[in-house]
Amino acid sequence: MLEVLQKKIQNTLLTFTNQRALFWDAEKILILSDLHVGKSAHFRKHGIAIPSEVLIADLKRLEDLMIHFQPQKIIIVGDLFHAGYNSDLDLFKDWRKQFTQQFILIRGNHDRLKREIYEELGIECEEEFLFIEPFTFIHHPKKMEDRFYISGHIHPGFVLKTKNDRLRLPCFAVSEQQIVLPAFSHFTGLDTKTLQGKFKNIIFTEGTIFEV
């Protein structure tokens, strides 16, 4: 079930979702990070039985978001892919053919495919960053005085303490100068320690989203 939380950041309305993506309302841009297409096939190649349904579920969730928000562009701030060419990439290729939207990738540390493959998939690549006022899109989180960054890479998580338990949940980490996106793929870990200090956290589950 899609749940959203809207915030004005840099005088711009952004919609945070519990489906691991961010929507920029005025520009009709859907923003996500760390889909890691090919990770399950990479594990299978090395003898670890991770089913392709992991990727299929991630792509279905992305498709549902595109249907709901009707974006004109999809920006992926790194690690769209996980490894070299494998069977998961063929699956993604068939999925991509359904859509006419512009896909833009800021290449991350895992995005090592040849440029010709990105062109075949209809994906525009930026090697370091993309600037669309007032945001700079980049894979690795940065901190500079004159820019507001939207990044990924870290897979941020938050430890929510309840009376009887400690829950590790994915989140958007938000500061005065940046937003660090959660990993879009469910097949990723959570980092609950790297981002400390002046970050607020927008935490979500399958049924809710809230800020702490």
C-alpha atoms as a PDB file:
ATOM      1  CA  MET A   1       0.000   0.000   0.000  1.00  0.00           C
ATOM      2  CA  LEU A   2       1.382   3.397  -0.998  1.00  0.00           C
ATOM      3  CA  GLU A   3       1.763   5.882   1.858  1.00  0.00           C
ATOM      4  CA  VAL A   4       3.289   9.331   1.436  1.00  0.00           C
ATOM      5  CA  LEU A   5       4.684  12.205   3.461  1.00  0.00           C
ATOM      6  CA  GLN A   6       5.112  15.625   1.860  1.00  0.00           C
ATOM      7  CA  LYS A   7       7.739  18.178   2.889  1.00  0.00           C
ATOM      8  CA  LYS A   8       8.935  21.488   1.524  1.00  0.00           C
ATOM      9  CA  ILE A   9      12.680  21.371   1.042  1.00  0.00           C
ATOM     10  CA  GLN A  10      14.593  24.225  -0.602  1.00  0.00           C
ATOM     11  CA  ASN A  11      11.141  25.833  -1.122  1.00  0.00           C
ATOM     12  CA  THR A  12      10.232  22.811  -3.225  1.00  0.00           C
ATOM     13  CA  LEU A  13       7.483  20.295  -2.463  1.00  0.00           C
ATOM     14  CA  LEU A  14       8.767  16.727  -2.324  1.00  0.00           C
ATOM     15  CA  THR A  15       6.716  13.591  -1.757  1.00  0.00           C
ATOM     16  CA  PHE A  16       8.427  10.861   0.255  1.00  0.00           C
ATOM     17  CA  THR A  17       6.945   7.385  -0.167  1.00  0.00           C
ATOM     18  CA  ASN A  18       7.032   4.176   1.815  1.00  0.00           C
ATOM     19  CA  GLN A  19       7.913   2.472  -1.472  1.00  0.00           C
ATOM     20  CA  ARG A  20      11.529   3.699  -1.296  1.00  0.00           C
ATOM     21  CA  ALA A  21      11.274   6.539  -3.808  1.00  0.00           C
ATOM     22  CA  LEU A  22      10.908  10.317  -3.830  1.00  0.00           C
ATOM     23  CA  PHE A  23       8.655  12.330  -6.153  1.00  0.00           C
ATOM     24  CA  TRP A  24       9.412  15.919  -7.169  1.00  0.00           C
ATOM     25  CA  ASP A  25       5.938  17.213  -7.806  1.00  0.00           C
ATOM     26  CA  ALA A  26       6.616  20.401  -9.807  1.00  0.00           C
ATOM     27  CA  GLU A  27       9.072  18.748 -12.205  1.00  0.00           C
ATOM     28  CA  LYS A  28       7.240  15.397 -12.377  1.00  0.00           C
ATOM     29  CA  ILE A  29      10.440  13.513 -11.587  1.00  0.00           C
ATOM     30  CA  LEU A  30      10.559  10.185  -9.741  1.00  0.00           C
ATOM     31  CA  ILE A  31      13.854   9.776  -7.856  1.00  0.00           C
ATOM     32  CA  LEU A  32      15.366   6.570  -6.497  1.00  0.00           C
ATOM     33  CA  SER A  33      18.667   4.880  -5.795  1.00  0.00           C
ATOM     34  CA  ASP A  34      20.341   1.490  -5.546  1.00  0.00           C
ATOM     35  CA  LEU A  35      18.043  -0.796  -7.505  1.00  0.00           C
ATOM     36  CA  HIS A  36      20.974  -3.197  -8.024  1.00  0.00           C
ATOM     37  CA  VAL A  37      19.613  -4.993 -11.089  1.00  0.00           C
ATOM     38  CA  GLY A  38      21.649  -8.171 -11.558  1.00  0.00           C
ATOM     39  CA  LYS A  39      22.450  -8.761  -7.904  1.00  0.00           C
ATOM     40  CA  SER A  40      20.261 -11.862  -7.560  1.00  0.00           C
ATOM     41  CA  ALA A  41      21.675 -13.395 -10.765  1.00  0.00           C
ATOM     42  CA  HIS A  42      25.195 -12.542  -9.587  1.00  0.00           C
ATOM     43  CA  PHE A  43      24.571 -14.495  -6.381  1.00  0.00           C
ATOM     44  CA  ARG A  44      23.074 -17.422  -8.298  1.00  0.00           C
ATOM     45  CA  LYS A  45      26.171 -17.526 -10.481  1.00  0.00           C
ATOM     46  CA  HIS A  46      28.213 -18.018  -7.330  1.00  0.00           C
ATOM     47  CA  GLY A  47      26.034 -20.817  -6.005  1.00  0.00           C
ATOM     48  CA  ILE A  48      23.692 -18.856  -3.709  1.00  0.00           C
ATOM     49  CA  ALA A  49      20.060 -19.567  -4.556  1.00  0.00           C
ATOM     50  CA  ILE A  50      18.495 -16.090  -4.761  1.00  0.00           C
ATOM     51  CA  PRO A  51      15.360 -16.255  -6.957  1.00  0.00           C
ATOM     52  CA  SER A  52      14.755 -13.845  -9.843  1.00  0.00           C
ATOM     53  CA  GLU A  53      11.429 -12.982  -8.171  1.00  0.00           C
ATOM     54  CA  VAL A  54      13.417 -10.564  -5.995  1.00  0.00           C
ATOM     55  CA  LEU A  55      14.080  -8.340  -9.012  1.00  0.00           C
ATOM     56  CA  ILE A  56      10.598  -8.905 -10.449  1.00  0.00           C
ATOM     57  CA  ALA A  57       9.050  -7.614  -7.199  1.00  0.00           C
ATOM     58  CA  ASP A  58      11.306  -4.517  -7.224  1.00  0.00           C
ATOM     59  CA  LEU A  59      10.394  -3.723 -10.832  1.00  0.00           C
ATOM     60  CA  LYS A  60       6.685  -4.226 -10.125  1.00  0.00           C
ATOM     61  CA  ARG A  61       6.932  -1.726  -7.271  1.00  0.00           C
ATOM     62  CA  LEU A  62       8.687   0.772  -9.558  1.00  0.00           C
ATOM     63  CA  GLU A  63       6.051   0.225 -12.231  1.00  0.00           C
ATOM     64  CA  ASP A  64       3.273   0.877  -9.692  1.00  0.00           C
ATOM     65  CA  LEU A  65       4.946   4.139  -8.668  1.00  0.00           C
ATOM     66  CA  MET A  66       5.213   5.226 -12.291  1.00  0.00           C
ATOM     67  CA  ILE A  67       1.552   4.472 -12.878  1.00  0.00           C
ATOM     68  CA  HIS A  68       0.550   6.391  -9.744  1.00  0.00           C
ATOM     69  CA  PHE A  69       2.708   9.512 -10.163  1.00  0.00           C
ATOM     70  CA  GLN A  70       2.931   9.608 -13.983  1.00  0.00           C
ATOM     71  CA  PRO A  71       6.479  11.039 -13.965  1.00  0.00           C
ATOM     72  CA  GLN A  72       8.076  12.508 -17.060  1.00  0.00           C
ATOM     73  CA  LYS A  73      11.558  11.522 -15.883  1.00  0.00           C
ATOM     74  CA  ILE A  74      13.057   8.865 -13.642  1.00  0.00           C
ATOM     75  CA  ILE A  75      16.369   9.795 -12.020  1.00  0.00           C
ATOM     76  CA  ILE A  76      18.430   6.989 -10.453  1.00  0.00           C
ATOM     77  CA  VAL A  77      21.222   8.342  -8.256  1.00  0.00           C
ATOM     78  CA  GLY A  78      23.541   5.403  -8.731  1.00  0.00           C
ATOM     79  CA  ASP A  79      23.772   1.636  -8.630  1.00  0.00           C
ATOM     80  CA  LEU A  80      20.949   0.904 -11.019  1.00  0.00           C
ATOM     81  CA  PHE A  81      22.961  -2.212 -11.856  1.00  0.00           C
ATOM     82  CA  HIS A  82      25.022  -4.432  -9.595  1.00  0.00           C
ATOM     83  CA  ALA A  83      27.434  -6.426 -11.737  1.00  0.00           C
ATOM     84  CA  GLY A  84      28.217  -7.305 -15.352  1.00  0.00           C
ATOM     85  CA  TYR A  85      25.787  -8.565 -17.962  1.00  0.00           C
ATOM     86  CA  ASN A  86      23.642 -11.435 -16.664  1.00  0.00           C
ATOM     87  CA  SER A  87      20.145 -12.885 -16.949  1.00  0.00           C
ATOM     88  CA  ASP A  88      18.623 -10.211 -14.691  1.00  0.00           C
ATOM     89  CA  LEU A  89      19.696  -7.586 -17.206  1.00  0.00           C
ATOM     90  CA  ASP A  90      17.671  -9.342 -19.911  1.00  0.00           C
ATOM     91  CA  LEU A  91      14.671  -9.252 -17.594  1.00  0.00           C
ATOM     92  CA  PHE A  92      15.189  -5.530 -16.985  1.00  0.00           C
ATOM     93  CA  LYS A  93      15.555  -4.905 -20.713  1.00  0.00           C
ATOM     94  CA  ASP A  94      12.133  -6.431 -21.398  1.00  0.00           C
ATOM     95  CA  TRP A  95      10.615  -4.398 -18.541  1.00  0.00           C
ATOM     96  CA  ARG A  96      12.171  -1.126 -19.791  1.00  0.00           C
ATOM     97  CA  LYS A  97      10.557  -1.506 -23.231  1.00  0.00           C
ATOM     98  CA  GLN A  98       7.141  -0.818 -21.705  1.00  0.00           C
ATOM     99  CA  PHE A  99       7.912   2.808 -20.871  1.00  0.00           C
ATOM    100  CA  THR A 100       8.606   5.983 -22.827  1.00  0.00           C
ATOM    101  CA  GLN A 101       9.751   8.102 -19.882  1.00  0.00           C
ATOM    102  CA  GLN A 102      13.255   9.528 -19.831  1.00  0.00           C
ATOM    103  CA  PHE A 103      15.575   7.499 -17.593  1.00  0.00           C
ATOM    104  CA  ILE A 104      18.669   9.282 -16.249  1.00  0.00           C
ATOM    105  CA  LEU A 105      21.381   7.477 -14.284  1.00  0.00           C
ATOM    106  CA  ILE A 106      24.117   9.124 -12.241  1.00  0.00           C
ATOM    107  CA  ARG A 107      26.573   6.259 -12.383  1.00  0.00           C
ATOM    108  CA  GLY A 108      27.467   4.666  -9.054  1.00  0.00           C
ATOM    109  CA  ASN A 109      30.312   2.410  -8.017  1.00  0.00           C
ATOM    110  CA  HIS A 110      28.441  -0.696  -9.247  1.00  0.00           C
ATOM    111  CA  ASP A 111      27.383   0.748 -12.635  1.00  0.00           C
ATOM    112  CA  ARG A 112      30.176  -0.765 -14.735  1.00  0.00           C
ATOM    113  CA  LEU A 113      28.365  -1.793 -17.911  1.00  0.00           C
ATOM    114  CA  LYS A 114      29.598  -0.555 -21.267  1.00  0.00           C
ATOM    115  CA  ARG A 115      28.052   2.711 -22.431  1.00  0.00           C
ATOM    116  CA  GLU A 116      26.555   0.938 -25.454  1.00  0.00           C
ATOM    117  CA  ILE A 117      24.377  -1.166 -23.156  1.00  0.00           C
ATOM    118  CA  TYR A 118      22.985   1.923 -21.432  1.00  0.00           C
ATOM    119  CA  GLU A 119      22.238   3.434 -24.827  1.00  0.00           C
ATOM    120  CA  GLU A 120      20.475   0.235 -25.915  1.00  0.00           C
ATOM    121  CA  LEU A 121      18.351   0.419 -22.763  1.00  0.00           C
ATOM    122  CA  GLY A 122      17.446   4.054 -23.397  1.00  0.00           C
ATOM    123  CA  ILE A 123      19.226   5.270 -20.262  1.00  0.00           C
ATOM    124  CA  GLU A 124      21.092   8.581 -20.232  1.00  0.00           C
ATOM    125  CA  CYS A 125      24.232   8.497 -18.084  1.00  0.00           C
ATOM    126  CA  GLU A 126      25.893  11.198 -16.019  1.00  0.00           C
ATOM    127  CA  GLU A 127      29.347  10.268 -14.784  1.00  0.00           C
ATOM    128  CA  GLU A 128      29.544  12.430 -11.650  1.00  0.00           C
ATOM    129  CA  PHE A 129      26.442  14.482 -10.912  1.00  0.00           C
ATOM    130  CA  LEU A 130      23.348  16.139 -12.372  1.00  0.00           C
ATOM    131  CA  PHE A 131      22.207  19.627 -11.360  1.00  0.00           C
ATOM    132  CA  ILE A 132      18.564  20.640 -11.663  1.00  0.00           C
ATOM    133  CA  GLU A 133      17.900  23.770  -9.616  1.00  0.00           C
ATOM    134  CA  PRO A 134      17.828  23.611  -6.589  1.00  0.00           C
ATOM    135  CA  PHE A 135      19.115  20.019  -6.300  1.00  0.00           C
ATOM    136  CA  THR A 136      22.375  18.289  -7.174  1.00  0.00           C
ATOM    137  CA  PHE A 137      21.922  14.558  -7.796  1.00  0.00           C
ATOM    138  CA  ILE A 138      24.948  12.425  -6.973  1.00  0.00           C
ATOM    139  CA  HIS A 139      25.618   8.841  -5.884  1.00  0.00           C
ATOM    140  CA  HIS A 140      27.893   9.333  -2.867  1.00  0.00           C
ATOM    141  CA  PRO A 141      26.634  11.728  -0.162  1.00  0.00           C
ATOM    142  CA  LYS A 142      28.461  15.050  -0.118  1.00  0.00           C
ATOM    143  CA  LYS A 143      28.626  18.072   2.106  1.00  0.00           C
ATOM    144  CA  MET A 144      29.346  21.443   0.503  1.00  0.00           C
ATOM    145  CA  GLU A 145      28.134  24.851   1.568  1.00  0.00           C
ATOM    146  CA  ASP A 146      26.615  25.992  -1.706  1.00  0.00           C
ATOM    147  CA  ARG A 147      24.616  22.906  -2.817  1.00  0.00           C
ATOM    148  CA  PHE A 148      21.785  20.696  -1.693  1.00  0.00           C
ATOM    149  CA  TYR A 149      22.446  17.057  -2.564  1.00  0.00           C
ATOM    150  CA  ILE A 150      20.157  14.131  -3.215  1.00  0.00           C
ATOM    151  CA  SER A 151      22.197  10.934  -3.037  1.00  0.00           C
ATOM    152  CA  GLY A 152      22.125   7.225  -2.248  1.00  0.00           C
ATOM    153  CA  HIS A 153      24.845   4.585  -1.757  1.00  0.00           C
ATOM    154  CA  ILE A 154      24.602   4.226   2.042  1.00  0.00           C
ATOM    155  CA  HIS A 155      21.238   2.370   2.262  1.00  0.00           C
ATOM    156  CA  PRO A 156      20.285   4.324   5.415  1.00  0.00           C
ATOM    157  CA  GLY A 157      18.337   2.664   8.196  1.00  0.00           C
ATOM    158  CA  PHE A 158      17.028   3.616  11.624  1.00  0.00           C
ATOM    159  CA  VAL A 159      16.755   1.597  14.833  1.00  0.00           C
ATOM    160  CA  LEU A 160      13.300   2.129  16.290  1.00  0.00           C
ATOM    161  CA  LYS A 161      13.142   1.107  19.922  1.00  0.00           C
ATOM    162  CA  THR A 162       9.830  -0.151  21.236  1.00  0.00           C
ATOM    163  CA  LYS A 163       8.944  -1.424  24.691  1.00  0.00           C
ATOM    164  CA  ASN A 164       9.703  -5.000  23.749  1.00  0.00           C
ATOM    165  CA  ASP A 165      11.879  -4.840  20.646  1.00  0.00           C
ATOM    166  CA  ARG A 166      14.381  -2.997  18.481  1.00  0.00           C
ATOM    167  CA  LEU A 167      13.287  -2.653  14.855  1.00  0.00           C
ATOM    168  CA  ARG A 168      15.738  -1.871  12.043  1.00  0.00           C
ATOM    169  CA  LEU A 169      13.809   0.008   9.366  1.00  0.00           C
ATOM    170  CA  PRO A 170      14.814   1.700   6.102  1.00  0.00           C
ATOM    171  CA  CYS A 171      14.558   5.484   5.966  1.00  0.00           C
ATOM    172  CA  PHE A 172      15.242   8.691   4.106  1.00  0.00           C
ATOM    173  CA  ALA A 173      17.961  10.631   5.960  1.00  0.00           C
ATOM    174  CA  VAL A 174      17.416  14.396   5.701  1.00  0.00           C
ATOM    175  CA  SER A 175      19.672  17.259   6.770  1.00  0.00           C
ATOM    176  CA  GLU A 176      19.866  20.959   5.925  1.00  0.00           C
ATOM    177  CA  GLN A 177      22.104  20.154   2.956  1.00  0.00           C
ATOM    178  CA  GLN A 178      21.128  16.739   1.693  1.00  0.00           C
ATOM    179  CA  ILE A 179      18.714  13.857   1.373  1.00  0.00           C
ATOM    180  CA  VAL A 180      20.137  10.346   1.394  1.00  0.00           C
ATOM    181  CA  LEU A 181      17.691   7.959  -0.242  1.00  0.00           C
ATOM    182  CA  PRO A 182      16.970   4.429   0.940  1.00  0.00           C
ATOM    183  CA  ALA A 183      17.996   1.573  -1.326  1.00  0.00           C
ATOM    184  CA  PHE A 184      15.116   0.888  -3.694  1.00  0.00           C
ATOM    185  CA  SER A 185      15.780  -2.838  -3.808  1.00  0.00           C
ATOM    186  CA  HIS A 186      14.604  -4.960  -0.911  1.00  0.00           C
ATOM    187  CA  PHE A 187      17.682  -7.163  -1.500  1.00  0.00           C
ATOM    188  CA  THR A 188      20.077  -4.811   0.310  1.00  0.00           C
ATOM    189  CA  GLY A 189      21.310  -4.290   3.837  1.00  0.00           C
ATOM    190  CA  LEU A 190      20.722  -1.319   6.140  1.00  0.00           C
ATOM    191  CA  ASP A 191      23.353   1.062   7.492  1.00  0.00           C
ATOM    192  CA  THR A 192      22.173   2.439  10.833  1.00  0.00           C
ATOM    193  CA  LYS A 193      25.502   3.943  11.951  1.00  0.00           C
ATOM    194  CA  THR A 194      27.135   6.052   9.213  1.00  0.00           C
ATOM    195  CA  LEU A 195      24.731   9.002   9.188  1.00  0.00           C
ATOM    196  CA  GLN A 196      24.771  10.515  12.647  1.00  0.00           C
ATOM    197  CA  GLY A 197      24.237  13.999  14.031  1.00  0.00           C
ATOM    198  CA  LYS A 198      22.035  16.530  12.294  1.00  0.00           C
ATOM    199  CA  PHE A 199      19.953  14.134  10.225  1.00  0.00           C
ATOM    200  CA  LYS A 200      16.232  13.697  10.642  1.00  0.00           C
ATOM    201  CA  ASN A 201      14.841  10.358   9.549  1.00  0.00           C
ATOM    202  CA  ILE A 202      11.714   9.648   7.544  1.00  0.00           C
ATOM    203  CA  ILE A 203      11.043   6.028   8.442  1.00  0.00           C
ATOM    204  CA  PHE A 204       8.640   3.713   6.694  1.00  0.00           C
ATOM    205  CA  THR A 205       7.139   0.260   6.715  1.00  0.00           C
ATOM    206  CA  GLU A 206       4.801  -1.461   4.260  1.00  0.00           C
ATOM    207  CA  GLY A 207       1.872   0.359   5.855  1.00  0.00           C
ATOM    208  CA  THR A 208       3.092   3.717   7.142  1.00  0.00           C
ATOM    209  CA  ILE A 209       5.624   6.558   6.843  1.00  0.00           C
ATOM    210  CA  PHE A 210       6.598   9.065   9.536  1.00  0.00           C
ATOM    211  CA  GLU A 211       9.389  11.413  10.619  1.00  0.00           C
ATOM    212  CA  VAL A 212      11.493  11.203  13.780  1.00  0.00           C
END
